[in-house]
C-alpha cells in the first residue's frame, strides 16, 4: 500500500470514530434534555401537591375548630355569672 492509501484509510477511520462520538454525544444530549423535562414535570407536580395539601390542611383545621366541643366553662360560664349576680342581688334585697 502506498502512503496515500494508508493516510486515506487512517482519515476514514478517524472520520468514522468522530461520527460515532458525535452520535453518542447527540444521544447523551437528547437523554439530558428528556431528564430535564422529567425533572421540570416532577417539580411542577410537587408544587401542585404542596398547594393541594396546604388547602386540605386549612380545611381540616377549619373543620376541627368547628366541630371542637366547647368546654364546660364556655357553655355554662355566662349562666353561672348571671346566677351569682341574681343571688347577690336577691341577698341584698
N, C-alpha and C. Protein backbone atom coordinates (compact mmCIF):
# COMPACT_ATOMS: atom_id res chain seq x y z
N UNK A 1 0.83 -1.18 0.00
CA UNK A 1 0.00 0.00 0.00
C UNK A 1 0.87 1.24 0.00
N UNK A 2 0.37 2.19 -0.67
CA UNK A 2 1.12 3.45 -0.73
C UNK A 2 0.78 4.28 0.48
N UNK A 3 1.58 5.27 0.70
CA UNK A 3 1.37 6.13 1.87
C UNK A 3 0.06 6.90 1.73
N UNK A 4 -0.35 7.25 0.53
CA UNK A 4 -1.62 7.95 0.33
C UNK A 4 -2.80 7.06 0.73
N UNK A 5 -2.75 5.81 0.37
CA UNK A 5 -3.82 4.87 0.70
C UNK A 5 -3.88 4.68 2.22
N UNK A 6 -2.69 4.57 2.86
CA UNK A 6 -2.66 4.44 4.31
C UNK A 6 -3.23 5.69 4.98
N UNK A 7 -2.88 6.83 4.48
CA UNK A 7 -3.36 8.10 5.04
C UNK A 7 -4.87 8.20 4.87
N UNK A 8 -5.36 7.82 3.70
CA UNK A 8 -6.81 7.87 3.45
C UNK A 8 -7.52 6.90 4.37
N UNK A 9 -6.97 5.72 4.56
CA UNK A 9 -7.58 4.72 5.45
C UNK A 9 -7.63 5.24 6.89
N UNK A 10 -6.52 5.87 7.35
CA UNK A 10 -6.49 6.43 8.69
C UNK A 10 -7.50 7.57 8.83
N UNK A 11 -7.58 8.41 7.82
CA UNK A 11 -8.53 9.52 7.85
C UNK A 11 -9.97 9.02 7.87
N UNK A 12 -10.25 7.98 7.08
CA UNK A 12 -11.60 7.40 7.06
C UNK A 12 -11.94 6.78 8.42
N UNK A 13 -10.94 6.12 9.02
CA UNK A 13 -11.14 5.53 10.34
C UNK A 13 -11.39 6.62 11.39
N UNK A 14 -10.61 7.69 11.32
CA UNK A 14 -10.78 8.81 12.24
C UNK A 14 -12.15 9.45 12.05
N UNK A 15 -12.56 9.61 10.78
CA UNK A 15 -13.87 10.18 10.49
C UNK A 15 -14.99 9.30 11.04
N UNK A 16 -14.86 8.00 10.88
CA UNK A 16 -15.87 7.07 11.40
C UNK A 16 -15.93 7.16 12.92
N UNK A 17 -14.76 7.25 13.58
CA UNK A 17 -14.74 7.37 15.04
C UNK A 17 -15.38 8.70 15.49
N UNK A 18 -15.09 9.75 14.77
CA UNK A 18 -15.67 11.05 15.11
C UNK A 18 -17.19 11.04 14.90
N UNK A 19 -17.65 10.37 13.87
CA UNK A 19 -19.09 10.26 13.63
C UNK A 19 -19.76 9.47 14.76
N UNK A 20 -19.08 8.41 15.23
CA UNK A 20 -19.61 7.64 16.35
C UNK A 20 -19.66 8.50 17.61
N UNK A 21 -18.59 9.26 17.85
CA UNK A 21 -18.56 10.15 19.01
C UNK A 21 -19.68 11.19 18.93
N UNK A 22 -19.88 11.74 17.74
CA UNK A 22 -20.94 12.74 17.54
C UNK A 22 -22.31 12.13 17.80
N UNK A 23 -22.54 10.93 17.30
CA UNK A 23 -23.82 10.24 17.52
C UNK A 23 -24.02 9.97 19.01
N UNK A 24 -22.96 9.55 19.69
CA UNK A 24 -23.06 9.29 21.13
C UNK A 24 -23.35 10.60 21.88
N UNK A 25 -22.68 11.66 21.49
CA UNK A 25 -22.91 12.97 22.13
C UNK A 25 -24.34 13.43 21.90
N UNK A 26 -24.85 13.24 20.69
CA UNK A 26 -26.24 13.63 20.41
C UNK A 26 -27.22 12.82 21.25
N UNK A 27 -26.95 11.52 21.43
CA UNK A 27 -27.81 10.68 22.28
C UNK A 27 -27.77 11.16 23.72
N UNK A 28 -26.57 11.49 24.19
CA UNK A 28 -26.42 11.98 25.56
C UNK A 28 -27.18 13.29 25.73
N UNK A 29 -27.07 14.18 24.76
CA UNK A 29 -27.80 15.46 24.83
C UNK A 29 -29.31 15.24 24.85
N UNK A 30 -29.78 14.31 24.02
CA UNK A 30 -31.20 14.00 23.98
C UNK A 30 -31.67 13.46 25.33
N UNK A 31 -30.88 12.55 25.89
CA UNK A 31 -31.23 11.97 27.19
C UNK A 31 -31.24 13.05 28.27
N UNK A 32 -30.25 13.94 28.24
CA UNK A 32 -30.20 15.03 29.22
C UNK A 32 -31.40 15.96 29.09
N UNK A 33 -31.81 16.27 27.86
CA UNK A 33 -32.99 17.10 27.65
C UNK A 33 -34.24 16.43 28.21
N UNK A 34 -34.37 15.13 27.95
CA UNK A 34 -35.52 14.38 28.47
C UNK A 34 -35.51 14.36 30.00
N UNK A 35 -34.32 14.20 30.59
CA UNK A 35 -34.21 14.20 32.05
C UNK A 35 -34.63 15.55 32.62
N UNK A 36 -34.23 16.63 31.95
CA UNK A 36 -34.62 17.96 32.42
C UNK A 36 -36.13 18.15 32.31
N UNK A 37 -36.74 17.65 31.23
CA UNK A 37 -38.19 17.73 31.09
C UNK A 37 -38.90 16.97 32.20
N UNK A 38 -38.40 15.77 32.48
CA UNK A 38 -39.00 14.96 33.54
C UNK A 38 -38.83 15.66 34.89
N UNK A 39 -37.66 16.24 35.12
CA UNK A 39 -37.40 16.95 36.38
C UNK A 39 -38.34 18.14 36.51
N UNK A 40 -38.54 18.88 35.41
CA UNK A 40 -39.46 20.03 35.44
C UNK A 40 -40.88 19.57 35.76
N UNK A 41 -41.30 18.45 35.16
CA UNK A 41 -42.64 17.92 35.45
C UNK A 41 -42.74 17.48 36.91
N UNK A 42 -41.68 16.88 37.41
CA UNK A 42 -41.68 16.44 38.80
C UNK A 42 -41.79 17.64 39.74
N UNK A 43 -41.05 18.70 39.46
CA UNK A 43 -41.11 19.91 40.29
C UNK A 43 -42.50 20.52 40.23
N UNK A 44 -43.09 20.59 39.05
CA UNK A 44 -44.45 21.12 38.92
C UNK A 44 -45.44 20.27 39.71
N UNK A 45 -45.27 18.95 39.65
CA UNK A 45 -46.16 18.06 40.40
C UNK A 45 -46.00 18.23 41.90
N UNK A 46 -44.78 18.38 42.36
CA UNK A 46 -44.54 18.58 43.79
C UNK A 46 -45.16 19.90 44.24
N UNK A 47 -44.98 20.95 43.45
CA UNK A 47 -45.57 22.25 43.80
C UNK A 47 -47.10 22.16 43.85
N UNK A 48 -47.68 21.48 42.86
CA UNK A 48 -49.13 21.32 42.83
C UNK A 48 -49.61 20.53 44.04
N UNK A 49 -48.91 19.44 44.36
CA UNK A 49 -49.27 18.63 45.52
C UNK A 49 -49.13 19.42 46.82
N UNK A 50 -48.09 20.25 46.91
CA UNK A 50 -47.90 21.07 48.11
C UNK A 50 -49.07 22.03 48.28
N UNK A 51 -49.48 22.68 47.19
CA UNK A 51 -50.61 23.61 47.26
C UNK A 51 -51.89 22.88 47.66
N UNK A 52 -52.10 21.69 47.10
CA UNK A 52 -53.30 20.92 47.44
C UNK A 52 -53.26 20.47 48.89
N UNK A 53 -52.11 20.04 49.36
CA UNK A 53 -52.01 19.61 50.75
C UNK A 53 -52.20 20.78 51.71
N UNK A 54 -51.75 21.97 51.30
CA UNK A 54 -51.95 23.16 52.13
C UNK A 54 -53.44 23.46 52.23
N UNK A 55 -54.16 23.36 51.12
CA UNK A 55 -55.60 23.58 51.13
C UNK A 55 -56.31 22.55 52.01
N UNK A 56 -55.90 21.29 51.89
CA UNK A 56 -56.51 20.23 52.69
C UNK A 56 -56.25 20.48 54.18
N UNK A 57 -55.03 20.88 54.50
CA UNK A 57 -54.70 21.15 55.91
C UNK A 57 -55.53 22.31 56.44
N UNK A 58 -55.69 23.37 55.63
CA UNK A 58 -56.51 24.51 56.06
C UNK A 58 -57.94 24.09 56.30
N UNK A 59 -58.50 23.29 55.40
CA UNK A 59 -59.87 22.80 55.58
C UNK A 59 -59.99 21.92 56.81
N UNK A 60 -59.01 21.07 57.03
CA UNK A 60 -59.04 20.20 58.20
C UNK A 60 -59.00 21.00 59.50
N UNK A 61 -58.19 22.05 59.51
CA UNK A 61 -58.12 22.91 60.70
C UNK A 61 -59.45 23.60 60.94
N UNK A 62 -60.06 24.11 59.86
CA UNK A 62 -61.36 24.78 59.99
C UNK A 62 -62.42 23.80 60.50
N UNK A 63 -62.43 22.59 59.95
CA UNK A 63 -63.39 21.59 60.39
C UNK A 63 -63.16 21.21 61.85
N UNK A 64 -61.90 21.08 62.23
CA UNK A 64 -61.59 20.73 63.62
C UNK A 64 -62.05 21.84 64.57
N UNK A 65 -61.89 23.08 64.15
CA UNK A 65 -62.32 24.19 65.01
C UNK A 65 -63.84 24.25 65.09
N UNK A 66 -64.52 23.95 64.00
CA UNK A 66 -65.98 23.99 64.02
C UNK A 66 -66.56 22.86 64.86
N UNK A 67 -65.98 21.69 64.77
CA UNK A 67 -66.51 20.53 65.47
C UNK A 67 -65.97 20.38 66.88
N UNK A 68 -65.10 21.29 67.28
CA UNK A 68 -64.47 21.19 68.58
C UNK A 68 -65.51 21.43 69.68
N UNK A 69 -65.64 20.51 70.61
CA UNK A 69 -66.62 20.71 71.68
C UNK A 69 -66.19 21.84 72.61
N UNK A 70 -67.17 22.57 73.07
CA UNK A 70 -66.86 23.67 73.98
C UNK A 70 -66.63 23.10 75.37
N UNK A 71 -65.80 23.78 76.11
CA UNK A 71 -65.55 23.35 77.47
C UNK A 71 -66.76 23.71 78.34
N UNK A 72 -66.80 23.15 79.52
CA UNK A 72 -67.91 23.43 80.44
C UNK A 72 -67.97 24.91 80.77
N UNK A 73 -66.82 25.52 80.93
CA UNK A 73 -66.79 26.95 81.27
C UNK A 73 -67.32 27.81 80.13
N UNK A 74 -67.05 27.41 78.89
CA UNK A 74 -67.55 28.18 77.74
C UNK A 74 -69.06 28.08 77.64
N UNK A 75 -69.63 26.91 77.97
CA UNK A 75 -71.08 26.74 77.85
C UNK A 75 -71.82 27.29 79.06
N UNK A 76 -71.37 26.99 80.27
CA UNK A 76 -72.12 27.31 81.48
C UNK A 76 -71.56 28.53 82.22
N UNK A 77 -70.42 29.02 81.82
CA UNK A 77 -69.81 30.17 82.49
C UNK A 77 -70.70 31.41 82.54
N UNK A 78 -71.23 31.85 81.39
CA UNK A 78 -72.10 33.04 81.44
C UNK A 78 -73.34 32.82 82.31
N UNK A 79 -73.92 31.64 82.26
CA UNK A 79 -75.07 31.35 83.11
C UNK A 79 -74.68 31.38 84.57
N UNK A 80 -73.50 30.87 84.90
CA UNK A 80 -73.01 30.89 86.28
C UNK A 80 -72.83 32.29 86.79
N UNK A 81 -72.27 33.16 85.95
CA UNK A 81 -72.08 34.57 86.34
C UNK A 81 -73.42 35.24 86.58
N UNK A 82 -74.37 34.99 85.69
CA UNK A 82 -75.71 35.57 85.85
C UNK A 82 -76.35 35.04 87.14
N UNK A 83 -76.19 33.77 87.43
CA UNK A 83 -76.75 33.19 88.65
C UNK A 83 -76.14 33.83 89.89
N UNK A 84 -74.81 34.04 89.87
CA UNK A 84 -74.14 34.68 91.01
C UNK A 84 -74.66 36.10 91.19
N UNK A 85 -74.84 36.83 90.09
CA UNK A 85 -75.36 38.21 90.17
C UNK A 85 -76.77 38.20 90.74
N UNK A 86 -77.63 37.29 90.27
CA UNK A 86 -79.01 37.23 90.75
C UNK A 86 -79.03 36.88 92.24
N UNK A 87 -78.23 35.92 92.65
CA UNK A 87 -78.19 35.54 94.06
C UNK A 87 -77.69 36.70 94.91
N UNK A 88 -76.70 37.41 94.42
CA UNK A 88 -76.15 38.56 95.16
C UNK A 88 -77.21 39.63 95.30
N UNK A 89 -77.89 39.94 94.21
CA UNK A 89 -78.96 40.96 94.25
C UNK A 89 -80.09 40.50 95.18
N UNK A 90 -80.46 39.24 95.10
CA UNK A 90 -81.54 38.72 95.96
C UNK A 90 -81.16 38.75 97.42
N UNK A 91 -79.90 38.51 97.71
CA UNK A 91 -79.48 38.52 99.12
C UNK A 91 -79.40 39.93 99.68
N UNK A 92 -79.15 40.89 98.84
CA UNK A 92 -79.10 42.29 99.26
C UNK A 92 -80.51 42.79 99.53
N UNK A 93 -81.46 42.36 98.77
CA UNK A 93 -82.83 42.83 98.94
C UNK A 93 -83.42 42.12 100.07
